[in-house]
Amino acid sequence: MVKIIYIEHDGTTHNVDAQEGHSLMEVAIEQMVPGIDGDCGGACACATCHVFVDDAWLSKTGEKGEMENSMLEFAEGVEANSRLACQIKASAALDGIIVRLPSSQH
């Protein structure tokens, strides 16, 4: 199992275990983490799973694809560490990853 730490905009922390290969969006929905909707079901066709990846983990999540960059244009408060949780797969390399949820998704 891979440990994922979701931090809501108010500081509420959710420590959850994920199976490798599941997206951080899928895990958040399964674990009922507030602030991750995944309206498109993980097809990278919306931005309702926008997260801020902690800087220490950003390089381990891989590069943003063209579609992800396009979808992030519709998200509020995009930062350099913004990602769509549907595009990040849980893996042993990400064990302990910290992602923060924007206040616009509460």
Protein backbone atom coordinates (compact mmCIF):
# COMPACT_ATOMS: atom_id res chain seq x y z
CA MET A 1 0.00 0.00 0.00
CA VAL A 2 1.01 3.58 -0.69
CA LYS A 3 0.40 6.27 1.95
CA ILE A 4 -1.14 9.48 0.56
CA ILE A 5 -1.65 12.58 2.67
CA TYR A 6 -4.39 14.97 1.53
CA ILE A 7 -4.54 18.32 3.32
CA GLU A 8 -7.71 20.38 2.98
CA HIS A 9 -7.51 24.16 2.65
CA ASP A 10 -8.41 24.50 6.36
CA GLY A 11 -5.59 22.18 7.46
CA THR A 12 -7.69 19.05 7.97
CA THR A 13 -5.48 16.09 7.12
CA HIS A 14 -6.52 12.76 5.60
CA ASN A 15 -3.93 9.96 5.75
CA VAL A 16 -5.08 7.20 3.44
CA ASP A 17 -3.68 3.99 1.98
CA ALA A 18 -3.86 3.41 -1.75
CA GLN A 19 -3.23 0.47 -4.00
CA GLU A 20 -0.46 0.99 -6.51
CA GLY A 21 -1.75 1.98 -9.92
CA HIS A 22 -4.82 3.84 -8.65
CA SER A 23 -4.91 7.56 -9.36
CA LEU A 24 -4.83 10.00 -6.48
CA MET A 25 -8.29 11.13 -7.61
CA GLU A 26 -9.71 7.58 -7.44
CA VAL A 27 -8.24 7.10 -3.99
CA ALA A 28 -9.65 10.41 -2.72
CA ILE A 29 -13.13 9.53 -3.97
CA GLU A 30 -12.96 5.98 -2.52
CA GLN A 31 -11.84 7.41 0.83
CA MET A 32 -14.41 10.26 0.69
CA VAL A 33 -11.80 13.03 0.92
CA PRO A 34 -13.75 16.30 0.59
CA GLY A 35 -12.69 18.64 -2.18
CA ILE A 36 -11.98 16.06 -4.86
CA ASP A 37 -14.99 15.53 -7.11
CA GLY A 38 -13.58 13.91 -10.23
CA ASP A 39 -16.64 14.89 -12.27
CA CYS A 40 -15.17 13.44 -15.49
CA GLY A 41 -14.32 10.11 -13.85
CA GLY A 42 -10.59 10.56 -14.35
CA ALA A 43 -10.60 11.25 -18.07
CA CYS A 44 -8.61 14.49 -17.70
CA ALA A 45 -11.63 16.37 -19.02
CA CYS A 46 -12.30 18.68 -16.07
CA ALA A 47 -10.33 20.24 -13.23
CA THR A 48 -12.38 19.08 -10.23
CA CYS A 49 -9.44 17.09 -8.86
CA HIS A 50 -6.97 20.00 -8.84
CA VAL A 51 -4.33 19.61 -6.13
CA PHE A 52 -1.10 21.29 -5.11
CA VAL A 53 1.69 18.73 -4.89
CA ASP A 54 4.13 19.36 -2.06
CA ASP A 55 7.39 20.62 -3.59
CA ALA A 56 9.40 17.68 -2.22
CA TRP A 57 7.24 15.31 -4.29
CA LEU A 58 6.63 17.29 -7.46
CA SER A 59 9.50 15.86 -9.51
CA LYS A 60 8.40 12.30 -8.64
CA THR A 61 4.91 12.74 -10.12
CA GLY A 62 6.09 13.00 -13.72
CA GLU A 63 5.54 15.71 -16.29
CA LYS A 64 2.17 17.31 -17.00
CA GLY A 65 0.77 16.32 -20.34
CA GLU A 66 -0.74 18.72 -22.86
CA MET A 67 -4.31 17.77 -21.90
CA GLU A 68 -3.60 18.26 -18.20
CA ASN A 69 -2.11 21.70 -18.88
CA SER A 70 -5.23 22.58 -20.89
CA MET A 71 -7.56 21.51 -18.10
CA LEU A 72 -5.58 23.40 -15.47
CA GLU A 73 -6.30 26.60 -17.41
CA PHE A 74 -9.89 26.25 -16.14
CA ALA A 75 -8.91 25.75 -12.48
CA GLU A 76 -8.84 28.56 -9.94
CA GLY A 77 -5.61 29.58 -8.25
CA VAL A 78 -3.24 27.51 -10.37
CA GLU A 79 0.35 27.48 -9.10
CA ALA A 80 3.58 25.95 -10.42
CA ASN A 81 2.89 22.84 -8.32
CA SER A 82 -0.70 22.41 -9.53
CA ARG A 83 -1.64 18.99 -10.87
CA LEU A 84 -4.78 17.02 -11.60
CA ALA A 85 -5.00 14.13 -9.16
CA CYS A 86 -6.44 11.91 -11.91
CA GLN A 87 -3.09 12.11 -13.70
CA ILE A 88 -0.95 10.93 -10.78
CA LYS A 89 -0.78 7.20 -10.12
CA ALA A 90 0.02 5.84 -6.68
CA SER A 91 3.35 4.01 -6.66
CA ALA A 92 6.03 2.97 -4.20
CA ALA A 93 8.02 6.05 -5.28
CA LEU A 94 5.15 8.25 -4.05
CA ASP A 95 4.72 6.58 -0.64
CA GLY A 96 4.05 9.48 1.76
CA ILE A 97 3.17 12.05 -0.91
CA ILE A 98 1.52 15.21 0.36
CA VAL A 99 -1.09 17.01 -1.73
CA ARG A 100 -3.03 20.09 -0.68
CA LEU A 101 -6.54 20.94 -1.82
CA PRO A 102 -7.38 24.44 -3.04
CA SER A 103 -9.95 26.46 -1.11
CA SER A 104 -12.04 26.73 -4.29
CA GLN A 105 -12.78 22.98 -4.01
CA HIS A 106 -14.44 22.71 -0.62
